[in-house]
Structure formats: C-alpha cells, structure tokens
Amino acid sequence: MRRLWRQVLDKVSPYEAGKPLEELQAELGVGELIRLSANESPEGPSPRVVEALSQEAASAHLYPDGGGTALRQALSRRLGVPPEWIILGNGADELLQLIGWAAFEPGDEVVIPQPSFEPYGSVTILMGATPVWSPINNYRIDLDDCAKRLTPRTKAFILCSPHNPCGTIISRRELSGFLARLGDDPPLVILDEAYRDFCDDPDCQDGVALLREHPRVIALRTFSKIAGLAGLRVGYGVARTDVIEMLNRVRAPYNVNRLAQAAAVAALEDQAHWELTRSVVREGRLFLRVELERRGLSVAPSHANFLLVKVGPQAGALRQSLERAGVLVRDGAVVGFPEHLRISIGTRAKNRKLLEALDRIRPD
C-alpha cells in the first residue's frame, strides 16, 4: 500500500486544546464556566485594543503588512533594540516552527528540559532532529544537567523562564554560568519568556539583555498572556540580525494578520492596562498560594500566571469534580506532572469560586 504520510508523524500526538467552552458548558449544564486551565489573562485586552480592532475591521479585505513594520518599531522602542532584531509570529508557537525549519536537521540534537511545553519536542521530532531530554529537578530546570548533554551534534537548547508548567525561573547567575560553559562556538539557545511579565524576582534573567554579548540567544515572547491577546495569536522573537535573517527565509509572507498587528500596537500603548494585568496576576497568585497551602496542598514556587499544585493520586478525579462544579483546571499528568493540577490565576472572584468549589469537594 502506498504510504502517504511521513513516518515521523507516528512519534507525534496532536495538541489537545479541549472542547469549546460553549459546548462544554452545555454538556455540564452549568450557568457559568470558569476556565483556569489555559493561562489566559484574567483582565482581558485593553479597551484601546478593542477600539483598534473595531477600526481595523473594515480593512480586513486587505493583506497585512508582511513585515509588521509598525509593531516591530513599537517593540523596538519598548525593548531598546533595533527593529531588525525582531521577528513576528502567529503566536510564539509559530516562531518555534520557524526555528525548526531554519536550523534543525536529521542528526541534530536539541536539549530540552522535561517536562516542558509540548511543542518544543514536537517541532524537534518533526524536523528529523533528536530531542535530548534533561529531567526537571525539584520543579526547576537543571542547567548543570543540560550542559552535560552538550555534544558536537547539539544544535540548540530550548529553555523557558518562567518554566511552563512549573512557573520557576532561571536566575542571572545560573544562565550566565551556563552560557559560559557552552564555549566560543555554542549552539542556539532558545529562551521562551512567554510568562516573564508576571515575574517579580529581580534575579530573573532578561533574555533580550543577553543578546549583545551572546549572539546565538533567541528570546521568544508573546502578547497572549500579559496583553490578553491569546485569541489573536501574535508573538515575537528577538535575536541578532543574522539570526532574524535566517528565520525570515522560512517565514510565510503574511504570517501575522492585520487585526493582530493593530491590537498588539494598541496593547503596547496602554501601559496602564499592562500594569493592571500584572498586578492582578501577582496579587492573585499570592492569594491562591496562601489559601491552597492553608488547605494542606503543596504549591511549586511560581513567577507565572499559574500555579502547579500537588494534590496527590486523586488529581484526575479532583479535576473532573471541579469541572462538574463549573471550574476548569489542567490535569498535571497531561503536562508531565502526575498527582498535580495546574491552575491559572483568575480574577479575585474567580479565584474565590475555585476555592469554594474545592472546599465542597474536599471538605476535610
């Protein structure tokens, strides 16, 4: 029989995003469904974003600016780097694909902490490269272990800080020492900083700040979390010009739509909303952590907009019970942490409803 599909697809599973909220709400028969499973913004987009989308909608029949000029210029001003150091993507997920297309080949090795965000491994496998897994140690990326896995075949390290799904960070000292160990001809170091805006630890390394001394670092960021634009899919990568040039060679001509570009520019202009979201997440994170620990649960240290909570062998059943109560959380087993739940930070009201549902299910 003729084989139609690549054999490598046998090694990759589709990403399960879950049922649409409306469908699940109808199935459960609940009046309100609180989603704390997808790490979405509790505040939603800025009013300026909503207005920008309204104004831009009439131009939906026109192709977007293929180079994302206005958005890259706005990011350039915010980050203090040249616009030529910035590439836009249809979410940070697409940027991972661009890196894979541009750099990964059969025979290459890519060192990835495990567990981590699933697409790191999927992109590596689909490009024919070999993922080399480095186990997470006490909820933290073990950079000593990562460095020991460096070989002549290592094409890249994919790191994330804050880490998904743990929420822990890589410190400046740790990352500086790691980069020094890679030598004068290092692999690419891809630093996913999707959740960096929620970090309140000044010792968290800023990937963009590394670029002037480390030309093979690529920092990935997104508007999905802090700016509340998850539904529009717009992310960006920051790297030296020679790296960006290679990524642009495999980028689709109009990969970020015009509404997403307009929304992202408007989000950057509303610094007050940016700070409001950051404040709501940080305060909610502390509130939930204290309340969950008061209930006898163990919570990993987090600098993201979610908490990884150890609840024991009943984690799967507890997630299902919370779902029936109208509260969605992520089963930790799906993201590599059995006996855990990953819980996004919501508004104060939604956080309280989570706790109320938890207390009804676990009255002890």
Protein backbone atom coordinates (compact mmCIF):
# COMPACT_ATOMS: atom_id res chain seq x y z
CA MET A 1 0.00 0.00 0.00
CA ARG A 2 1.22 3.47 -0.87
CA ARG A 3 2.42 5.38 2.19
CA LEU A 4 1.03 8.92 2.15
CA TRP A 5 2.21 10.38 5.43
CA ARG A 6 5.66 10.90 6.91
CA GLN A 7 6.74 8.17 9.30
CA VAL A 8 7.80 10.74 11.85
CA LEU A 9 4.12 11.55 12.47
CA ASP A 10 3.87 8.25 14.33
CA LYS A 11 6.03 9.86 17.05
CA VAL A 12 3.90 12.99 17.47
CA SER A 13 0.50 13.37 19.09
CA PRO A 14 -1.87 16.24 18.24
CA TYR A 15 -2.14 19.00 20.82
CA GLU A 16 -5.41 18.59 22.72
CA ALA A 17 -6.87 22.03 23.35
CA GLY A 18 -10.14 20.73 24.80
CA LYS A 19 -13.75 21.29 23.79
CA PRO A 20 -15.12 24.76 23.04
CA LEU A 21 -16.34 26.44 26.21
CA GLU A 22 -19.90 26.76 24.91
CA GLU A 23 -20.11 23.05 24.11
CA LEU A 24 -18.65 22.01 27.44
CA GLN A 25 -20.92 24.40 29.34
CA ALA A 26 -23.96 22.87 27.65
CA GLU A 27 -22.76 19.34 28.44
CA LEU A 28 -22.19 20.15 32.11
CA GLY A 29 -25.40 22.12 32.46
CA VAL A 30 -23.75 24.87 34.49
CA GLY A 31 -24.72 28.52 34.38
CA GLU A 32 -21.14 29.74 34.48
CA LEU A 33 -17.94 28.03 33.42
CA ILE A 34 -14.69 29.38 34.85
CA ARG A 35 -11.65 28.45 32.77
CA LEU A 36 -8.49 28.36 34.85
CA SER A 37 -6.82 25.78 32.62
CA ALA A 38 -5.34 27.78 29.74
CA ASN A 39 -3.24 30.51 31.42
CA GLU A 40 -5.32 33.28 29.87
CA SER A 41 -5.36 36.89 31.02
CA PRO A 42 -7.80 37.49 33.91
CA GLU A 43 -8.37 41.08 32.75
CA GLY A 44 -8.73 40.55 29.02
CA PRO A 45 -7.47 43.04 26.43
CA SER A 46 -7.10 46.77 26.90
CA PRO A 47 -10.05 48.96 25.85
CA ARG A 48 -7.61 50.52 23.37
CA VAL A 49 -7.17 47.11 21.80
CA VAL A 50 -10.93 46.68 21.41
CA GLU A 51 -11.14 50.10 19.76
CA ALA A 52 -8.21 49.34 17.46
CA LEU A 53 -9.83 46.10 16.37
CA SER A 54 -13.08 47.90 15.63
CA GLN A 55 -11.29 50.46 13.47
CA GLU A 56 -9.17 47.88 11.67
CA ALA A 57 -12.05 45.50 10.90
CA ALA A 58 -13.12 47.50 7.84
CA SER A 59 -9.72 46.76 6.28
CA ALA A 60 -9.94 43.00 6.74
CA HIS A 61 -10.04 42.53 2.96
CA LEU A 62 -6.51 43.94 2.66
CA TYR A 63 -3.35 41.95 3.22
CA PRO A 64 -1.43 42.88 6.37
CA ASP A 65 1.98 44.49 6.34
CA GLY A 66 4.13 41.44 5.69
CA GLY A 67 6.99 42.88 7.69
CA GLY A 68 4.88 44.08 10.62
CA THR A 69 6.67 47.43 10.45
CA ALA A 70 4.60 49.43 12.94
CA LEU A 71 4.58 46.65 15.51
CA ARG A 72 8.28 45.93 15.21
CA GLN A 73 9.02 49.64 15.59
CA ALA A 74 6.82 49.82 18.69
CA LEU A 75 8.58 46.78 20.15
CA SER A 76 11.94 48.29 19.25
CA ARG A 77 11.13 51.37 21.33
CA ARG A 78 9.89 49.26 24.23
CA LEU A 79 12.83 46.84 24.26
CA GLY A 80 15.67 49.15 23.23
CA VAL A 81 16.83 47.01 20.32
CA PRO A 82 16.84 47.68 16.55
CA PRO A 83 13.69 46.68 14.65
CA GLU A 84 15.92 44.39 12.59
CA TRP A 85 16.37 42.27 15.71
CA ILE A 86 12.65 41.46 15.89
CA ILE A 87 10.54 38.90 14.04
CA LEU A 88 6.79 38.45 14.45
CA GLY A 89 4.95 35.17 14.60
CA ASN A 90 1.44 33.75 14.62
CA GLY A 91 1.91 33.13 18.32
CA ALA A 92 5.23 32.06 19.80
CA ASP A 93 4.36 28.53 18.62
CA GLU A 94 4.98 29.55 15.02
CA LEU A 95 8.34 31.04 15.97
CA LEU A 96 9.38 27.63 17.30
CA GLN A 97 8.43 26.16 13.94
CA LEU A 98 10.43 28.79 12.08
CA ILE A 99 13.49 27.97 14.17
CA GLY A 100 12.97 24.29 13.46
CA TRP A 101 12.61 24.82 9.71
CA ALA A 102 15.63 27.09 9.57
CA ALA A 103 18.01 25.19 11.85
CA PHE A 104 17.08 21.60 12.77
CA GLU A 105 18.17 18.71 10.55
CA PRO A 106 18.34 14.90 10.83
CA GLY A 107 21.28 14.02 13.03
CA ASP A 108 20.97 17.17 15.12
CA GLU A 109 20.29 17.01 18.84
CA VAL A 110 18.14 19.51 20.73
CA VAL A 111 18.38 19.56 24.52
CA ILE A 112 15.00 20.14 26.17
CA PRO A 113 14.05 20.12 29.86
CA GLN A 114 11.43 17.51 30.62
CA PRO A 115 8.61 18.14 31.31
CA SER A 116 8.21 21.37 29.34
CA PHE A 117 5.86 22.97 26.84
CA GLU A 118 4.94 20.14 24.47
CA PRO A 119 5.69 21.87 21.12
CA TYR A 120 9.42 22.01 21.95
CA GLY A 121 9.67 18.27 21.45
CA SER A 122 7.13 18.10 18.63
CA VAL A 123 8.96 20.64 16.47
CA THR A 124 12.28 18.89 17.08
CA ILE A 125 10.91 15.47 16.11
CA LEU A 126 9.06 16.76 13.03
CA MET A 127 12.28 18.28 11.68
CA GLY A 128 14.03 14.92 11.99
CA ALA A 129 16.25 16.05 14.87
CA THR A 130 16.57 14.13 18.13
CA PRO A 131 15.26 15.57 21.40
CA VAL A 132 17.65 15.03 24.29
CA TRP A 133 15.66 15.23 27.49
CA SER A 134 17.04 16.83 30.65
CA PRO A 135 14.91 15.99 33.72
CA ILE A 136 13.43 18.81 35.76
CA ASN A 137 14.90 18.82 39.27
CA ASN A 138 12.62 19.93 42.11
CA TYR A 139 10.43 21.90 39.66
CA ARG A 140 13.49 23.69 38.22
CA ILE A 141 15.49 23.41 35.01
CA ASP A 142 18.81 21.74 35.85
CA LEU A 143 21.29 23.73 33.77
CA ASP A 144 24.19 21.61 35.02
CA ASP A 145 22.49 18.55 33.58
CA CYS A 146 21.66 20.42 30.36
CA ALA A 147 25.30 21.46 29.91
CA LYS A 148 26.50 17.87 30.39
CA ARG A 149 24.36 16.84 27.41
CA LEU A 150 26.26 19.15 25.03
CA THR A 151 27.84 17.21 22.14
CA PRO A 152 29.17 18.13 18.68
CA ARG A 153 25.68 17.25 17.39
CA THR A 154 23.85 19.68 19.70
CA LYS A 155 22.09 22.27 17.53
CA ALA A 156 20.09 24.02 20.23
CA PHE A 157 18.94 24.20 23.82
CA ILE A 158 15.29 25.13 24.37
CA LEU A 159 14.77 26.67 27.80
CA CYS A 160 11.86 28.54 29.35
CA SER A 161 11.83 31.03 32.20
CA PRO A 162 9.40 31.17 33.91
CA HIS A 163 9.02 27.50 33.22
CA ASN A 164 5.80 26.00 31.89
CA PRO A 165 4.26 24.10 33.66
CA CYS A 166 6.21 24.75 36.89
CA GLY A 167 6.44 28.56 36.99
CA THR A 168 10.04 28.58 38.28
CA ILE A 169 12.74 30.85 36.84
CA ILE A 170 16.36 30.68 35.73
CA SER A 171 18.48 33.17 37.65
CA ARG A 172 21.01 35.53 36.10
CA ARG A 173 23.92 33.71 37.70
CA GLU A 174 22.69 30.30 36.57
CA LEU A 175 22.15 31.35 32.98
CA SER A 176 25.39 33.32 32.74
CA GLY A 177 27.34 30.34 34.01
CA PHE A 178 25.55 28.01 31.62
CA LEU A 179 26.25 30.20 28.60
CA ALA A 180 29.91 30.44 29.57
CA ARG A 181 30.15 26.63 29.65
CA LEU A 182 28.98 26.40 26.04
CA GLY A 183 32.26 27.83 24.76
CA ASP A 184 33.18 30.04 21.82
CA ASP A 185 31.10 28.13 19.26
CA PRO A 186 27.84 27.49 21.11
CA PRO A 187 24.58 26.03 19.81
CA LEU A 188 21.49 28.17 19.60
CA VAL A 189 19.96 28.93 22.99
CA ILE A 190 16.22 29.50 22.66
CA LEU A 191 14.78 31.19 25.75
CA ASP A 192 10.99 31.11 25.90
CA GLU A 193 9.89 34.05 28.05
CA ALA A 194 6.13 33.87 27.49
CA TYR A 195 5.42 34.44 31.18
CA ARG A 196 8.25 36.82 32.05
CA ASP A 197 5.95 39.84 32.51
CA PHE A 198 4.48 38.25 35.64
CA CYS A 199 7.81 37.64 37.36
CA ASP A 200 8.52 39.73 40.45
CA ASP A 201 12.03 38.39 41.12
CA PRO A 202 14.70 40.89 40.02
CA ASP A 203 17.14 37.98 39.67
CA CYS A 204 15.21 36.61 36.68
CA GLN A 205 17.42 36.85 33.59
CA ASP A 206 16.17 39.08 30.77
CA GLY A 207 16.75 37.22 27.51
CA VAL A 208 16.76 40.37 25.41
CA ALA A 209 19.53 41.84 27.55
CA LEU A 210 21.72 38.84 26.75
CA LEU A 211 21.77 39.40 23.01
CA ARG A 212 24.60 41.92 22.82
CA GLU A 213 27.03 39.51 24.49
CA HIS A 214 25.54 36.22 23.27
CA PRO A 215 24.68 36.37 19.56
CA ARG A 216 23.18 32.87 19.45
CA VAL A 217 20.46 33.52 22.00
CA ILE A 218 16.89 33.82 20.71
CA ALA A 219 14.31 35.27 23.12
CA LEU A 220 10.67 34.38 22.48
CA ARG A 221 7.78 36.40 23.90
CA THR A 222 4.05 36.71 23.33
CA PHE A 223 1.06 39.04 23.59
CA SER A 224 -1.18 36.10 24.57
CA LYS A 225 -0.60 36.34 28.32
CA ILE A 226 0.15 39.83 29.64
CA ALA A 227 -1.71 41.65 26.86
CA GLY A 228 -4.72 39.31 26.76
CA LEU A 229 -4.47 38.65 23.01
CA ALA A 230 -4.47 34.85 23.08
CA GLY A 231 -7.31 34.73 20.56
CA LEU A 232 -5.38 36.79 18.01
CA ARG A 233 -2.13 34.75 18.05
CA VAL A 234 0.73 37.22 17.98
CA GLY A 235 4.18 36.57 19.37
CA TYR A 236 7.65 37.86 18.65
CA GLY A 237 11.23 36.73 18.70
CA VAL A 238 14.25 38.89 19.48
CA ALA A 239 17.68 37.93 18.17
CA ARG A 240 20.66 39.35 16.32
CA THR A 241 20.15 40.46 12.72
CA ASP A 242 21.89 37.44 11.17
CA VAL A 243 19.59 35.08 13.11
CA ILE A 244 16.46 37.03 12.16
CA GLU A 245 17.51 36.96 8.51
CA MET A 246 17.61 33.16 8.54
CA LEU A 247 14.22 32.91 10.23
CA ASN A 248 12.69 35.31 7.70
CA ARG A 249 13.75 32.96 4.91
CA VAL A 250 11.25 30.36 6.13
CA ARG A 251 8.54 32.74 7.35
CA ALA A 252 5.29 32.95 5.38
CA PRO A 253 4.80 36.35 3.69
CA TYR A 254 1.76 37.43 5.73
CA ASN A 255 2.07 35.29 8.84
CA VAL A 256 0.56 37.79 11.34
CA ASN A 257 -2.84 39.16 10.35
CA ARG A 258 -3.56 42.89 10.29
CA LEU A 259 -6.03 42.84 13.20
CA ALA A 260 -3.46 41.12 15.41
CA GLN A 261 -0.80 43.66 14.46
CA ALA A 262 -3.09 46.61 15.19
CA ALA A 263 -4.16 45.07 18.50
CA ALA A 264 -0.59 44.45 19.60
CA VAL A 265 0.44 48.04 18.84
CA ALA A 266 -2.53 49.31 20.85
CA ALA A 267 -1.65 46.97 23.73
CA LEU A 268 1.88 48.37 23.87
CA GLU A 269 0.49 51.90 24.01
CA ASP A 270 -1.68 51.15 27.06
CA GLN A 271 0.95 50.71 29.73
CA ALA A 272 -1.62 51.24 32.49
CA HIS A 273 -3.61 48.17 31.42
CA TRP A 274 -0.37 46.19 31.10
CA GLU A 275 0.48 47.06 34.71
CA LEU A 276 -3.07 46.37 35.91
CA THR A 277 -2.93 42.84 34.50
CA ARG A 278 0.47 42.29 36.04
CA SER A 279 -0.79 43.48 39.44
CA VAL A 280 -3.96 41.36 39.34
CA VAL A 281 -1.95 38.25 38.50
CA ARG A 282 0.71 38.83 41.15
CA GLU A 283 -1.82 39.55 43.87
CA GLY A 284 -4.00 36.63 42.82
CA ARG A 285 -1.01 34.30 42.69
CA LEU A 286 -0.04 35.12 46.28
CA PHE A 287 -3.66 34.88 47.46
CA LEU A 288 -4.20 31.46 45.86
CA ARG A 289 -0.85 30.12 47.01
CA VAL A 290 -1.54 31.04 50.63
CA GLU A 291 -5.08 29.65 50.52
CA LEU A 292 -4.07 26.39 48.84
CA GLU A 293 -1.22 25.82 51.26
CA ARG A 294 -3.58 26.59 54.15
CA ARG A 295 -5.66 23.69 52.86
CA GLY A 296 -2.65 21.37 53.10
CA LEU A 297 -1.67 21.39 49.42
CA SER A 298 1.89 21.77 48.13
CA VAL A 299 2.47 24.56 45.61
CA ALA A 300 5.56 24.91 43.42
CA PRO A 301 7.16 28.39 43.55
CA SER A 302 5.73 30.31 40.61
CA HIS A 303 6.55 33.53 38.80
CA ALA A 304 4.00 32.92 36.04
CA ASN A 305 0.23 33.42 35.82
CA PHE A 306 -0.48 29.91 37.09
CA LEU A 307 0.35 27.57 39.95
CA LEU A 308 1.42 23.93 39.82
CA VAL A 309 -0.26 22.28 42.80
CA LYS A 310 0.47 18.81 44.13
CA VAL A 311 -2.79 17.22 45.28
CA GLY A 312 -1.87 13.52 45.30
CA PRO A 313 -3.14 10.42 43.48
CA GLN A 314 -6.68 11.83 43.32
CA ALA A 315 -5.61 14.65 40.96
CA GLY A 316 -7.51 13.31 37.94
CA ALA A 317 -10.70 12.72 39.91
CA LEU A 318 -10.39 16.13 41.55
CA ARG A 319 -10.04 17.83 38.18
CA GLN A 320 -13.21 16.09 36.98
CA SER A 321 -15.09 17.08 40.12
CA LEU A 322 -14.04 20.70 39.68
CA GLU A 323 -15.16 20.56 36.06
CA ARG A 324 -18.61 19.33 37.11
CA ALA A 325 -18.69 22.26 39.53
CA GLY A 326 -18.02 24.65 36.65
CA VAL A 327 -14.28 25.25 37.22
CA LEU A 328 -11.75 24.10 34.63
CA VAL A 329 -8.16 23.39 35.67
CA ARG A 330 -5.40 21.47 33.89
CA ASP A 331 -4.61 17.88 34.84
CA GLY A 332 -0.90 17.83 35.68
CA ALA A 333 -0.49 14.35 34.20
CA VAL A 334 -1.14 15.81 30.75
CA VAL A 335 1.80 18.21 31.14
CA GLY A 336 4.18 15.71 32.73
CA PHE A 337 3.32 16.08 36.42
CA PRO A 338 1.04 13.28 37.67
CA GLU A 339 -0.67 13.98 41.01
CA HIS A 340 -0.67 17.71 40.22
CA LEU A 341 -3.12 20.29 38.91
CA ARG A 342 -2.04 23.39 37.01
CA ILE A 343 -4.29 26.29 37.96
CA SER A 344 -4.32 29.62 36.14
CA ILE A 345 -4.69 32.82 38.13
CA GLY A 346 -8.08 34.41 37.63
CA THR A 347 -9.80 37.49 38.98
CA ARG A 348 -10.31 37.64 42.74
CA ALA A 349 -13.92 36.49 42.26
CA LYS A 350 -12.92 33.52 40.10
CA ASN A 351 -10.13 32.54 42.47
CA ARG A 352 -12.61 32.51 45.34
CA LYS A 353 -15.06 30.37 43.34
CA LEU A 354 -12.27 27.88 42.71
CA LEU A 355 -11.57 27.68 46.45
CA GLU A 356 -15.27 27.37 47.28
CA ALA A 357 -15.63 24.50 44.81
CA LEU A 358 -12.51 22.87 46.19
CA ASP A 359 -13.84 23.11 49.75
CA ARG A 360 -17.13 21.46 48.72
CA ILE A 361 -15.24 18.61 47.05
CA ARG A 362 -12.60 18.27 49.80
CA PRO A 363 -14.49 19.22 52.98
CA ASP A 364 -11.68 17.96 55.19
